[in-house]
Protein backbone atom coordinates (compact mmCIF):
# COMPACT_ATOMS: atom_id res chain seq x y z
CA MET A 1 35.08 24.95 -1.75
CA LYS A 2 31.94 23.83 -2.91
CA ALA A 3 30.85 21.59 -6.15
CA ARG A 4 27.50 20.01 -7.12
CA VAL A 5 27.66 16.88 -8.84
CA HIS A 6 24.52 16.02 -10.96
CA VAL A 7 24.64 12.01 -11.74
CA MET A 8 21.90 10.99 -14.58
CA LEU A 9 21.25 7.63 -16.10
CA LYS A 10 22.84 7.70 -19.82
CA GLU A 11 20.44 8.18 -22.79
CA GLY A 12 18.87 4.89 -23.88
CA VAL A 13 19.06 3.25 -20.27
CA LEU A 14 15.83 2.24 -19.00
CA ASP A 15 14.55 4.54 -16.01
CA PRO A 16 12.05 2.77 -13.88
CA GLN A 17 11.80 5.55 -11.38
CA GLY A 18 11.65 8.23 -14.21
CA ALA A 19 8.70 6.44 -15.77
CA ALA A 20 6.80 5.98 -12.63
CA VAL A 21 7.41 9.82 -11.48
CA LYS A 22 5.92 10.60 -15.17
CA TYR A 23 2.86 7.96 -14.51
CA ALA A 24 2.47 9.75 -11.18
CA LEU A 25 1.85 13.00 -12.37
CA SER A 26 -0.34 12.02 -15.30
CA ALA A 27 -2.59 10.54 -12.45
CA LEU A 28 -2.43 13.22 -10.69
CA GLY A 29 -4.03 15.14 -13.70
CA PHE A 30 -0.62 16.88 -14.99
CA SER A 31 -0.80 16.25 -18.72
CA GLY A 32 1.93 17.34 -21.57
CA ILE A 33 4.72 15.48 -20.17
CA ASN A 34 6.70 13.44 -22.80
CA ASN A 35 9.41 12.03 -20.55
CA VAL A 36 10.61 12.42 -16.61
CA ARG A 37 14.14 11.21 -16.49
CA GLN A 38 15.51 10.76 -12.48
CA GLY A 39 18.94 11.26 -11.01
CA LYS A 40 21.02 12.46 -8.04
CA VAL A 41 22.88 15.58 -7.00
CA LEU A 42 25.78 15.25 -4.49
CA GLU A 43 26.78 19.01 -2.85
CA LEU A 44 30.56 18.32 -2.31
CA ASP A 45 32.23 20.62 0.71
CA LEU A 46 35.71 20.22 -0.06
CA ALA A 47 39.32 21.75 1.09
CA ASN A 48 40.09 24.32 -1.47
CA GLY A 49 42.86 23.33 -4.21
CA THR A 50 40.80 20.44 -4.97
CA THR A 51 40.86 20.63 -8.98
CA GLU A 52 37.81 19.34 -10.91
CA ALA A 53 39.98 16.60 -12.24
CA GLN A 54 39.97 14.93 -8.52
CA ILE A 55 36.43 15.50 -8.54
CA GLY A 56 35.85 13.72 -12.02
CA GLU A 57 38.14 10.82 -10.45
CA MET A 58 35.66 10.83 -7.23
CA CYS A 59 32.88 10.63 -9.96
CA GLU A 60 34.27 8.03 -12.20
CA LYS A 61 35.22 5.64 -9.12
CA LEU A 62 32.13 5.84 -6.65
CA LEU A 63 29.78 8.67 -7.26
CA ALA A 64 28.74 7.38 -10.83
CA ASN A 65 28.63 3.89 -12.19
CA MET A 66 29.85 5.21 -15.48
CA VAL A 67 28.60 2.04 -17.42
CA ILE A 68 24.87 3.55 -17.07
CA GLU A 69 25.74 7.29 -15.92
CA SER A 70 27.06 10.29 -16.82
CA TYR A 71 27.89 13.16 -14.73
CA ARG A 72 28.44 17.03 -14.80
CA ILE A 73 30.33 19.08 -12.10
CA ASP A 74 29.12 22.46 -11.22
CA LEU A 75 31.80 24.18 -8.88
CA LEU A 76 29.84 26.92 -6.81
């Protein structure tokens, strides 16, 4: 079984990497970009029978900093 975990900074948390990407895109001549938020994607290859609750526990204990980040799990 495979799962994809998307981890993003929560709304309202300063995202300096996203701001740098937005600036760089503008410097390259791309316009109309209002905001950029940068996150991470983790692909997990898991044993059959692993539950979404177990994956959520992995996220909350290690994969995401629950103070400033949120996560979304996609089962593949």
